[in-house]
Structures are given as C-alpha cells and as structure tokens.
C-alpha cells in the first residue's frame, strides 16, 4: 500500500513537471511568434513579470510590456533548457527554468543565458505563471561574446553601458563553496 502511494505521488509529480515544462516551451514559442494572446494566456489574470526590479502585473500591463518587447526585437529565439520544481502542492509550484536565447536587437545579434524563477499556479484546469522573474547570466552581442565574459559586466545592450550580470556572483554559494 505504501509503495502504491509513493508511486501515485511520483506519477503526479511527473505529470505536473511535464505540464509546466510544456507551459515553458509554449510560452517561448509564443513570444518568438509574437502570439500576444497566447503569451498573455500563459499568465493568471493577476500574473506578473519581473526584470531588473521592474514588475509588470495584470494582463493589461503585461500586454503593454510584451508588445513593447516584441517591437524592440526583429526576431527572438528562446530555448528553455531545464526545469526544476523547488516546491509543489496541489495548486502551486515554485520552479526554476534555465535557458538561452538569440535576440536580433536592431542590427545586433545578441546571445543570452537566463534563469526564470516562477510561481506557477493551477488556474482553470491548467498551469499558468502567477509570477515570472527573469535573471541573466549574460546578454551580449554575439560577435563580442569572448570579450564580454572577462568580468561581471555581462549585460551589454548596444545602447546602454555594461551592467553587472544577475548571477552567479550574487549567489551565496559563489564565495562560500571553499
């Protein structure tokens, strides 16, 4: 009996992980395709997106944020790579997704590596983002990747001064592993 419960719990967790992985893949494709309605449907009605301390919450605000982002790039290619569920109950999951992207910003091809820290919520029978926070390991012009990796200033948009990357240097473990 105990092994049946363990098996049922393991199966439930695998199904949820698969559903949230699919959410991330569909979200990435919708962003790349400029499918704004699908992108918005990936969020709960009060869902939010955060980057560099700026929080955009609610579908109307998210629409404006994503339309501006989609206008900024000639094309994007987002590739979610791993999904880790950090905490899970029947209706909410705390997750970490790693990924990479190519972004054509004006005439500059940018390369990025990122992490999303998400609160996913079961909403109307489907997993959606209640909160999505984006951090960058780097976002740099493709032709300057090697030169851009020499210090923490790995956020290098063409029209802004270099800025510090969000991680790994900020992680508690970065200096304490010794």
N, C-alpha and C. Protein backbone atom coordinates (compact mmCIF):
# COMPACT_ATOMS: atom_id res chain seq x y z
N UNK A 1 0.82 -1.20 0.00
CA UNK A 1 0.00 0.00 0.00
C UNK A 1 0.86 1.26 0.00
N UNK A 2 1.89 1.31 0.84
CA UNK A 2 2.78 2.47 0.89
C UNK A 2 3.47 2.68 -0.44
N UNK A 3 3.87 1.60 -1.10
CA UNK A 3 4.54 1.75 -2.40
C UNK A 3 3.57 2.27 -3.45
N UNK A 4 2.27 1.91 -3.34
CA UNK A 4 1.27 2.45 -4.27
C UNK A 4 1.12 3.95 -4.09
N UNK A 5 1.12 4.43 -2.83
CA UNK A 5 1.03 5.86 -2.57
C UNK A 5 2.26 6.58 -3.10
N UNK A 6 3.42 6.02 -2.89
CA UNK A 6 4.65 6.62 -3.39
C UNK A 6 4.62 6.67 -4.91
N UNK A 7 4.18 5.61 -5.53
CA UNK A 7 4.09 5.58 -6.99
C UNK A 7 3.09 6.60 -7.50
N UNK A 8 1.95 6.73 -6.83
CA UNK A 8 0.95 7.71 -7.26
C UNK A 8 1.50 9.13 -7.10
N UNK A 9 2.21 9.40 -6.01
CA UNK A 9 2.80 10.72 -5.80
C UNK A 9 3.89 10.99 -6.83
N UNK A 10 4.73 10.02 -7.12
CA UNK A 10 5.78 10.19 -8.12
C UNK A 10 5.17 10.45 -9.50
N UNK A 11 4.12 9.72 -9.83
CA UNK A 11 3.45 9.91 -11.12
C UNK A 11 2.81 11.30 -11.19
N UNK A 12 2.16 11.73 -10.12
CA UNK A 12 1.54 13.06 -10.08
C UNK A 12 2.59 14.14 -10.30
N UNK A 13 3.73 14.00 -9.63
CA UNK A 13 4.80 14.99 -9.76
C UNK A 13 5.36 15.00 -11.20
N UNK A 14 5.50 13.83 -11.79
CA UNK A 14 5.99 13.75 -13.17
C UNK A 14 5.01 14.42 -14.15
N UNK A 15 3.72 14.20 -13.94
CA UNK A 15 2.71 14.82 -14.81
C UNK A 15 2.77 16.33 -14.67
N UNK A 16 2.84 16.82 -13.43
CA UNK A 16 2.91 18.27 -13.22
C UNK A 16 4.18 18.84 -13.83
N UNK A 17 5.31 18.16 -13.65
CA UNK A 17 6.56 18.65 -14.24
C UNK A 17 6.43 18.70 -15.76
N UNK A 18 5.82 17.70 -16.35
CA UNK A 18 5.62 17.68 -17.80
C UNK A 18 4.71 18.84 -18.24
N UNK A 19 3.65 19.09 -17.49
CA UNK A 19 2.73 20.18 -17.85
C UNK A 19 3.40 21.54 -17.73
N UNK A 20 4.21 21.74 -16.70
CA UNK A 20 4.90 23.03 -16.53
C UNK A 20 6.02 23.17 -17.56
N UNK A 21 6.69 22.07 -17.90
CA UNK A 21 7.69 22.11 -18.96
C UNK A 21 7.03 22.51 -20.28
N UNK A 22 5.86 21.95 -20.56
CA UNK A 22 5.14 22.32 -21.78
C UNK A 22 4.72 23.78 -21.75
N UNK A 23 4.30 24.28 -20.60
CA UNK A 23 3.96 25.71 -20.46
C UNK A 23 5.16 26.56 -20.86
N UNK A 24 6.35 26.23 -20.36
CA UNK A 24 7.55 26.99 -20.69
C UNK A 24 7.89 26.94 -22.17
N UNK A 25 7.74 25.77 -22.77
CA UNK A 25 8.03 25.64 -24.21
C UNK A 25 7.02 26.43 -25.03
N UNK A 26 5.73 26.30 -24.69
CA UNK A 26 4.70 27.02 -25.44
C UNK A 26 4.84 28.53 -25.26
N UNK A 27 5.17 28.97 -24.06
CA UNK A 27 5.41 30.39 -23.80
C UNK A 27 6.54 30.91 -24.69
N UNK A 28 7.65 30.18 -24.73
CA UNK A 28 8.81 30.60 -25.53
C UNK A 28 8.45 30.70 -27.01
N UNK A 29 7.76 29.71 -27.51
CA UNK A 29 7.35 29.73 -28.92
C UNK A 29 6.41 30.91 -29.17
N UNK A 30 5.46 31.13 -28.27
CA UNK A 30 4.51 32.24 -28.45
C UNK A 30 5.23 33.58 -28.43
N UNK A 31 6.21 33.77 -27.54
CA UNK A 31 6.99 35.01 -27.53
C UNK A 31 7.70 35.17 -28.86
N UNK A 32 8.36 34.11 -29.32
CA UNK A 32 9.10 34.18 -30.58
C UNK A 32 8.18 34.44 -31.77
N UNK A 33 6.96 33.91 -31.71
CA UNK A 33 5.99 34.08 -32.80
C UNK A 33 5.17 35.37 -32.69
N UNK A 34 5.40 36.15 -31.64
CA UNK A 34 4.61 37.36 -31.37
C UNK A 34 3.12 37.04 -31.22
N UNK A 35 2.82 35.90 -30.64
CA UNK A 35 1.43 35.50 -30.39
C UNK A 35 1.02 36.05 -29.03
N UNK A 36 0.70 37.34 -29.01
CA UNK A 36 0.46 38.04 -27.76
C UNK A 36 -0.68 37.44 -26.95
N UNK A 37 -1.74 37.00 -27.61
CA UNK A 37 -2.87 36.42 -26.87
C UNK A 37 -2.45 35.14 -26.16
N UNK A 38 -1.66 34.32 -26.82
CA UNK A 38 -1.21 33.08 -26.18
C UNK A 38 -0.24 33.39 -25.04
N UNK A 39 0.67 34.35 -25.24
CA UNK A 39 1.59 34.74 -24.17
C UNK A 39 0.80 35.16 -22.95
N UNK A 40 -0.19 36.02 -23.13
CA UNK A 40 -0.99 36.50 -22.00
C UNK A 40 -1.76 35.37 -21.33
N UNK A 41 -2.20 34.39 -22.12
CA UNK A 41 -2.94 33.26 -21.56
C UNK A 41 -2.03 32.33 -20.75
N UNK A 42 -0.72 32.50 -20.86
CA UNK A 42 0.22 31.73 -20.05
C UNK A 42 0.27 32.26 -18.61
N UNK A 43 -0.33 33.40 -18.35
CA UNK A 43 -0.32 34.03 -17.03
C UNK A 43 -1.71 33.98 -16.41
N UNK A 44 -1.74 33.93 -15.08
CA UNK A 44 -3.01 34.11 -14.38
C UNK A 44 -3.47 35.55 -14.60
N UNK A 45 -4.73 35.83 -14.32
CA UNK A 45 -5.26 37.19 -14.56
C UNK A 45 -4.45 38.24 -13.82
N UNK A 46 -3.93 37.91 -12.64
CA UNK A 46 -3.12 38.86 -11.86
C UNK A 46 -1.63 38.57 -11.97
N UNK A 47 -1.24 37.77 -12.95
CA UNK A 47 0.15 37.36 -13.10
C UNK A 47 1.09 38.54 -13.31
N UNK A 48 2.38 38.29 -13.01
CA UNK A 48 3.37 39.36 -13.14
C UNK A 48 4.66 38.85 -13.76
N UNK A 49 5.39 39.77 -14.37
CA UNK A 49 6.71 39.52 -14.94
C UNK A 49 7.65 40.56 -14.35
N UNK A 50 8.82 40.08 -13.88
CA UNK A 50 9.79 40.99 -13.26
C UNK A 50 11.14 40.83 -13.94
N UNK A 51 11.78 41.98 -14.21
CA UNK A 51 13.15 42.01 -14.73
C UNK A 51 13.81 43.28 -14.20
N UNK A 52 14.99 43.12 -13.62
CA UNK A 52 15.80 44.24 -13.13
C UNK A 52 15.01 45.16 -12.20
N UNK A 53 14.19 44.56 -11.34
CA UNK A 53 13.43 45.34 -10.37
C UNK A 53 12.13 45.93 -10.88
N UNK A 54 11.88 45.88 -12.18
CA UNK A 54 10.63 46.39 -12.75
C UNK A 54 9.61 45.25 -12.80
N UNK A 55 8.45 45.46 -12.20
CA UNK A 55 7.40 44.44 -12.15
C UNK A 55 6.23 44.91 -13.00
N UNK A 56 5.78 44.05 -13.88
CA UNK A 56 4.62 44.32 -14.74
C UNK A 56 3.55 43.30 -14.34
N UNK A 57 2.42 43.78 -13.81
CA UNK A 57 1.42 42.87 -13.24
C UNK A 57 0.05 43.11 -13.85
N UNK A 58 -0.69 42.04 -14.05
CA UNK A 58 -2.03 42.10 -14.62
C UNK A 58 -1.96 42.04 -16.14
N UNK A 59 -2.97 41.48 -16.74
CA UNK A 59 -2.94 41.23 -18.18
C UNK A 59 -2.81 42.50 -19.02
N UNK A 60 -3.47 43.58 -18.64
CA UNK A 60 -3.36 44.82 -19.42
C UNK A 60 -1.94 45.36 -19.39
N UNK A 61 -1.33 45.38 -18.22
CA UNK A 61 0.05 45.85 -18.10
C UNK A 61 1.01 44.91 -18.81
N UNK A 62 0.78 43.60 -18.67
CA UNK A 62 1.63 42.62 -19.36
C UNK A 62 1.52 42.79 -20.88
N UNK A 63 0.32 43.07 -21.37
CA UNK A 63 0.16 43.28 -22.83
C UNK A 63 1.07 44.42 -23.30
N UNK A 64 1.04 45.54 -22.61
CA UNK A 64 1.89 46.67 -22.99
C UNK A 64 3.37 46.31 -22.92
N UNK A 65 3.76 45.61 -21.87
CA UNK A 65 5.16 45.20 -21.72
C UNK A 65 5.58 44.29 -22.87
N UNK A 66 4.79 43.26 -23.17
CA UNK A 66 5.18 42.31 -24.22
C UNK A 66 5.12 42.92 -25.62
N UNK A 67 4.14 43.77 -25.88
CA UNK A 67 4.09 44.43 -27.19
C UNK A 67 5.34 45.28 -27.39
N UNK A 68 5.74 46.04 -26.36
CA UNK A 68 6.97 46.85 -26.46
C UNK A 68 8.19 45.97 -26.67
N UNK A 69 8.24 44.84 -25.97
CA UNK A 69 9.37 43.91 -26.13
C UNK A 69 9.38 43.33 -27.55
N UNK A 70 8.22 42.94 -28.03
CA UNK A 70 8.15 42.36 -29.37
C UNK A 70 8.52 43.39 -30.43
N UNK A 71 8.17 44.67 -30.21
CA UNK A 71 8.55 45.75 -31.13
C UNK A 71 10.06 46.00 -31.12
N UNK A 72 10.70 45.74 -29.99
CA UNK A 72 12.12 46.03 -29.82
C UNK A 72 13.01 45.10 -30.65
N UNK A 73 12.60 43.87 -30.82
CA UNK A 73 13.45 42.86 -31.49
C UNK A 73 12.90 42.52 -32.86
N UNK A 74 13.82 42.38 -33.83
CA UNK A 74 13.40 41.95 -35.17
C UNK A 74 13.01 40.49 -35.15
N UNK A 75 13.70 39.69 -34.34
CA UNK A 75 13.26 38.32 -34.04
C UNK A 75 13.91 37.86 -32.76
N UNK A 76 13.32 36.82 -32.18
CA UNK A 76 13.88 36.20 -30.98
C UNK A 76 13.79 34.68 -31.14
N UNK A 77 14.67 34.01 -30.43
CA UNK A 77 14.63 32.54 -30.37
C UNK A 77 14.97 32.15 -28.94
N UNK A 78 13.96 31.77 -28.17
CA UNK A 78 14.13 31.38 -26.77
C UNK A 78 14.13 29.85 -26.67
N UNK A 79 15.06 29.31 -25.90
CA UNK A 79 15.19 27.87 -25.75
C UNK A 79 15.21 27.52 -24.25
N UNK A 80 14.06 27.12 -23.69
CA UNK A 80 14.10 26.65 -22.30
C UNK A 80 14.87 25.34 -22.25
N UNK A 81 15.74 25.20 -21.24
CA UNK A 81 16.63 24.04 -21.21
C UNK A 81 16.33 23.08 -20.06
N UNK A 82 16.20 23.57 -18.85
CA UNK A 82 15.92 22.69 -17.72
C UNK A 82 14.81 23.30 -16.87
N UNK A 83 14.08 22.43 -16.21
CA UNK A 83 13.06 22.85 -15.27
C UNK A 83 13.27 22.09 -13.98
N UNK A 84 13.35 22.82 -12.89
CA UNK A 84 13.47 22.23 -11.56
C UNK A 84 12.28 22.71 -10.74
N UNK A 85 11.54 21.76 -10.17
CA UNK A 85 10.46 22.12 -9.27
C UNK A 85 11.05 22.18 -7.87
N UNK A 86 11.00 23.33 -7.26
CA UNK A 86 11.58 23.54 -5.93
C UNK A 86 10.59 23.25 -4.82
N UNK A 87 9.31 23.51 -5.07
CA UNK A 87 8.28 23.26 -4.07
C UNK A 87 6.98 23.04 -4.84
N UNK A 88 6.14 22.17 -4.31
CA UNK A 88 4.94 21.81 -5.04
C UNK A 88 3.83 21.41 -4.08
N UNK A 89 2.63 21.92 -4.34
CA UNK A 89 1.44 21.36 -3.70
C UNK A 89 0.41 21.16 -4.81
N UNK A 90 -0.83 20.97 -4.45
CA UNK A 90 -1.84 20.63 -5.46
C UNK A 90 -2.15 21.75 -6.44
N UNK A 91 -1.91 23.01 -6.04
CA UNK A 91 -2.31 24.12 -6.90
C UNK A 91 -1.20 25.12 -7.20
N UNK A 92 -0.01 24.93 -6.61
CA UNK A 92 1.05 25.90 -6.82
C UNK A 92 2.41 25.21 -6.84
N UNK A 93 3.30 25.72 -7.68
CA UNK A 93 4.66 25.18 -7.79
C UNK A 93 5.65 26.33 -7.88
N UNK A 94 6.74 26.20 -7.15
CA UNK A 94 7.86 27.13 -7.28
C UNK A 94 8.89 26.44 -8.16
N UNK A 95 9.26 27.10 -9.27
CA UNK A 95 10.14 26.46 -10.24
C UNK A 95 11.30 27.36 -10.64
N UNK A 96 12.32 26.73 -11.16
CA UNK A 96 13.48 27.39 -11.76
C UNK A 96 13.66 26.80 -13.15
N UNK A 97 13.70 27.65 -14.16
CA UNK A 97 13.95 27.23 -15.53
C UNK A 97 15.20 27.92 -16.03
N UNK A 98 16.11 27.15 -16.62
CA UNK A 98 17.27 27.76 -17.29
C UNK A 98 17.01 27.76 -18.78
N UNK A 99 17.70 28.66 -19.48
CA UNK A 99 17.51 28.71 -20.91
C UNK A 99 18.52 29.63 -21.58
N UNK A 100 18.42 29.67 -22.89
CA UNK A 100 19.27 30.54 -23.69
C UNK A 100 18.42 31.18 -24.78
N UNK A 101 18.95 32.26 -25.35
CA UNK A 101 18.18 32.98 -26.36
C UNK A 101 19.11 33.66 -27.35
N UNK A 102 18.58 33.86 -28.53
CA UNK A 102 19.18 34.73 -29.54
C UNK A 102 18.15 35.81 -29.81
N UNK A 103 18.60 37.05 -29.84
CA UNK A 103 17.71 38.19 -29.99
C UNK A 103 18.31 39.13 -31.03
N UNK A 104 17.58 39.46 -32.06
CA UNK A 104 18.08 40.44 -33.03
C UNK A 104 17.57 41.80 -32.61
N UNK A 105 18.48 42.59 -32.04
CA UNK A 105 18.19 43.90 -31.47
C UNK A 105 18.71 44.93 -32.45
N UNK A 106 17.82 45.53 -33.24
CA UNK A 106 18.28 46.38 -34.35
C UNK A 106 19.05 45.51 -35.33
N UNK A 107 20.32 45.87 -35.55
CA UNK A 107 21.17 45.06 -36.42
C UNK A 107 22.18 44.22 -35.64
N UNK A 108 21.98 44.11 -34.33
CA UNK A 108 22.93 43.40 -33.48
C UNK A 108 22.32 42.09 -32.98
N UNK A 109 22.98 40.99 -33.30
CA UNK A 109 22.56 39.70 -32.79
C UNK A 109 23.09 39.55 -31.37
N UNK A 110 22.17 39.39 -30.43
CA UNK A 110 22.52 39.23 -29.02
C UNK A 110 22.36 37.77 -28.63
N UNK A 111 23.22 37.32 -27.74
CA UNK A 111 23.13 35.97 -27.15
C UNK A 111 22.88 36.15 -25.66
N UNK A 112 22.07 35.28 -25.10
CA UNK A 112 21.73 35.39 -23.69
C UNK A 112 21.62 34.01 -23.05
N UNK A 113 21.95 33.96 -21.76
CA UNK A 113 21.67 32.81 -20.91
C UNK A 113 20.90 33.35 -19.72
N UNK A 114 19.83 32.67 -19.35
CA UNK A 114 18.93 33.22 -18.35
C UNK A 114 18.42 32.15 -17.40
N UNK A 115 17.81 32.64 -16.33
CA UNK A 115 17.05 31.81 -15.41
C UNK A 115 15.73 32.51 -15.15
N UNK A 116 14.66 31.72 -15.17
CA UNK A 116 13.35 32.19 -14.74
C UNK A 116 13.04 31.58 -13.38
N UNK A 117 12.66 32.40 -12.44
CA UNK A 117 12.16 31.95 -11.15
C UNK A 117 10.66 32.18 -11.18
N UNK A 118 9.90 31.11 -11.13
CA UNK A 118 8.46 31.19 -11.36
C UNK A 118 7.65 30.67 -10.19
N UNK A 119 6.49 31.29 -10.02
CA UNK A 119 5.42 30.72 -9.23
C UNK A 119 4.36 30.33 -10.25
N UNK A 120 4.14 29.04 -10.38
CA UNK A 120 3.13 28.54 -11.30
C UNK A 120 1.91 28.14 -10.48
N UNK A 121 0.74 28.41 -11.03
CA UNK A 121 -0.50 28.13 -10.31
C UNK A 121 -1.45 27.38 -11.23
N UNK A 122 -2.13 26.38 -10.68
CA UNK A 122 -3.18 25.69 -11.40
C UNK A 122 -4.38 26.63 -11.46
N UNK A 123 -4.77 26.99 -12.66
CA UNK A 123 -5.78 28.02 -12.88
C UNK A 123 -6.70 27.56 -13.99
N UNK A 124 -7.95 27.34 -13.67
CA UNK A 124 -8.94 26.89 -14.65
C UNK A 124 -8.48 25.60 -15.34
N UNK A 125 -7.92 24.68 -14.55
CA UNK A 125 -7.52 23.37 -15.06
C UNK A 125 -6.19 23.33 -15.78
N UNK A 126 -5.44 24.44 -15.77
CA UNK A 126 -4.17 24.48 -16.50
C UNK A 126 -3.15 25.26 -15.68
N UNK A 127 -1.88 24.87 -15.81
CA UNK A 127 -0.81 25.58 -15.12
C UNK A 127 -0.51 26.87 -15.86
N UNK A 128 -0.39 27.96 -15.08
CA UNK A 128 -0.06 29.27 -15.63
C UNK A 128 0.95 29.94 -14.70
N UNK A 129 1.58 30.98 -15.21
CA UNK A 129 2.50 31.76 -14.39
C UNK A 129 1.73 32.76 -13.56
N UNK A 130 1.92 32.68 -12.25
CA UNK A 130 1.39 33.70 -11.36
C UNK A 130 2.45 34.79 -11.16
N UNK A 131 3.70 34.37 -11.22
CA UNK A 131 4.83 35.31 -11.11
C UNK A 131 6.00 34.72 -11.89
N UNK A 132 6.62 35.56 -12.70
CA UNK A 132 7.76 35.15 -13.52
C UNK A 132 8.85 36.20 -13.34
N UNK A 133 10.04 35.78 -12.89
CA UNK A 133 11.16 36.70 -12.68
C UNK A 133 12.32 36.22 -13.54
N UNK A 134 12.89 37.14 -14.32
CA UNK A 134 13.97 36.84 -15.25
C UNK A 134 15.28 37.40 -14.74
N UNK A 135 16.30 36.54 -14.66
CA UNK A 135 17.68 36.94 -14.34
C UNK A 135 18.60 36.48 -15.45
N UNK A 136 19.65 37.28 -15.72
CA UNK A 136 20.60 36.94 -16.78
C UNK A 136 21.97 36.55 -16.23
N UNK A 137 22.53 35.48 -16.79
CA UNK A 137 23.95 35.17 -16.64
C UNK A 137 24.74 36.09 -17.57
N UNK A 138 24.20 36.28 -18.76
CA UNK A 138 24.75 37.24 -19.71
C UNK A 138 23.74 37.54 -20.79
N UNK A 139 23.87 38.71 -21.38
CA UNK A 139 23.19 39.08 -22.62
C UNK A 139 24.15 40.03 -23.32
N UNK A 140 24.77 39.53 -24.40
CA UNK A 140 25.88 40.24 -25.03
C UNK A 140 25.77 40.12 -26.56
N UNK A 141 26.37 41.08 -27.28
CA UNK A 141 26.42 40.93 -28.74
C UNK A 141 27.18 39.65 -29.09
N UNK A 142 26.65 38.90 -30.04
CA UNK A 142 27.25 37.61 -30.41
C UNK A 142 28.71 37.76 -30.81
N UNK A 143 29.03 38.81 -31.57
CA UNK A 143 30.41 38.97 -32.04
C UNK A 143 31.38 39.36 -30.93
N UNK A 144 30.83 39.73 -29.76
CA UNK A 144 31.69 40.16 -28.65
C UNK A 144 31.60 39.20 -27.45
N UNK A 145 31.16 37.97 -27.68
CA UNK A 145 30.96 37.06 -26.55
C UNK A 145 32.24 36.84 -25.75
N UNK A 146 33.33 36.50 -26.40
CA UNK A 146 34.58 36.22 -25.65
C UNK A 146 35.01 37.42 -24.83
N UNK A 147 35.05 38.57 -25.44
CA UNK A 147 35.50 39.78 -24.75
C UNK A 147 34.52 40.18 -23.65
N UNK A 148 33.27 39.80 -23.77
CA UNK A 148 32.25 40.21 -22.80
C UNK A 148 32.23 39.36 -21.53
N UNK A 149 32.95 38.26 -21.54
CA UNK A 149 32.89 37.33 -20.41
C UNK A 149 33.99 37.56 -19.37
N UNK A 150 34.82 38.56 -19.53
CA UNK A 150 36.00 38.72 -18.67
C UNK A 150 35.69 39.30 -17.30
N UNK A 151 34.51 39.89 -17.10
CA UNK A 151 34.16 40.41 -15.79
C UNK A 151 32.66 40.25 -15.57
N UNK A 152 32.17 40.76 -14.48
CA UNK A 152 30.75 40.60 -14.14
C UNK A 152 29.83 41.45 -15.02
N UNK A 153 30.35 42.45 -15.70
CA UNK A 153 29.54 43.33 -16.55
C UNK A 153 29.18 42.62 -17.85
N UNK A 154 28.31 41.62 -17.73
CA UNK A 154 27.92 40.80 -18.88
C UNK A 154 26.51 41.13 -19.40
N UNK A 155 25.95 42.24 -18.94
CA UNK A 155 24.71 42.75 -19.54
C UNK A 155 25.16 43.89 -20.43
N UNK A 156 25.17 43.65 -21.74
CA UNK A 156 25.79 44.59 -22.68
C UNK A 156 24.88 44.91 -23.86
N UNK A 157 23.79 45.59 -23.55
CA UNK A 157 22.91 46.05 -24.62
C UNK A 157 23.64 47.11 -25.44
N UNK A 158 23.47 47.15 -26.74
CA UNK A 158 24.20 48.10 -27.59
C UNK A 158 23.98 49.57 -27.22
N UNK A 159 22.83 49.92 -26.69
CA UNK A 159 22.51 51.32 -26.41
C UNK A 159 22.59 51.68 -24.92
N UNK A 160 23.32 50.87 -24.13
CA UNK A 160 23.43 51.13 -22.69
C UNK A 160 24.84 50.75 -22.23
N UNK A 161 25.30 51.36 -21.15
CA UNK A 161 26.61 50.98 -20.62
C UNK A 161 26.56 49.55 -20.07
N UNK A 162 27.68 48.84 -20.08
CA UNK A 162 27.69 47.48 -19.50
C UNK A 162 27.22 47.51 -18.05
N UNK A 163 26.50 46.47 -17.67
CA UNK A 163 25.96 46.37 -16.31
C UNK A 163 26.26 44.97 -15.76
N UNK A 164 26.25 44.84 -14.43
CA UNK A 164 26.54 43.53 -13.83
C UNK A 164 25.48 42.49 -14.16
N UNK A 165 25.94 41.28 -14.38
CA UNK A 165 25.03 40.15 -14.57
C UNK A 165 24.34 39.85 -13.23
N UNK A 166 23.19 39.21 -13.31
CA UNK A 166 22.42 38.90 -12.12
C UNK A 166 23.02 37.76 -11.30
N UNK A 167 23.67 36.83 -11.98
CA UNK A 167 24.27 35.69 -11.31
C UNK A 167 25.45 35.20 -12.15
N UNK A 168 26.36 34.39 -11.69
CA UNK A 168 26.35 33.66 -10.43
C UNK A 168 27.00 34.41 -9.27
N UNK A 169 27.65 35.51 -9.54
CA UNK A 169 28.42 36.19 -8.49
C UNK A 169 27.57 36.61 -7.30
N UNK A 170 26.28 36.84 -7.51
CA UNK A 170 25.39 37.26 -6.43
C UNK A 170 24.92 36.09 -5.56
N UNK A 171 25.16 34.89 -6.00
CA UNK A 171 24.70 33.73 -5.24
C UNK A 171 25.52 33.53 -3.97
N UNK A 172 24.85 33.17 -2.91
CA UNK A 172 25.51 32.93 -1.63
C UNK A 172 26.62 31.90 -1.78
N UNK A 173 26.40 30.88 -2.57
CA UNK A 173 27.37 29.79 -2.72
C UNK A 173 28.59 30.18 -3.54
N UNK A 174 28.52 31.28 -4.27
CA UNK A 174 29.60 31.66 -5.19
C UNK A 174 30.92 31.85 -4.44
N UNK A 175 30.87 32.43 -3.25
CA UNK A 175 32.09 32.67 -2.47
C UNK A 175 32.24 31.72 -1.29
N UNK A 176 31.21 30.97 -0.95
CA UNK A 176 31.27 30.14 0.26
C UNK A 176 31.58 28.67 0.00
N UNK A 177 31.80 28.28 -1.25
CA UNK A 177 31.99 26.86 -1.55
C UNK A 177 33.32 26.30 -1.05
N UNK A 178 34.27 27.14 -0.73
CA UNK A 178 35.59 26.66 -0.32
C UNK A 178 35.58 26.09 1.06
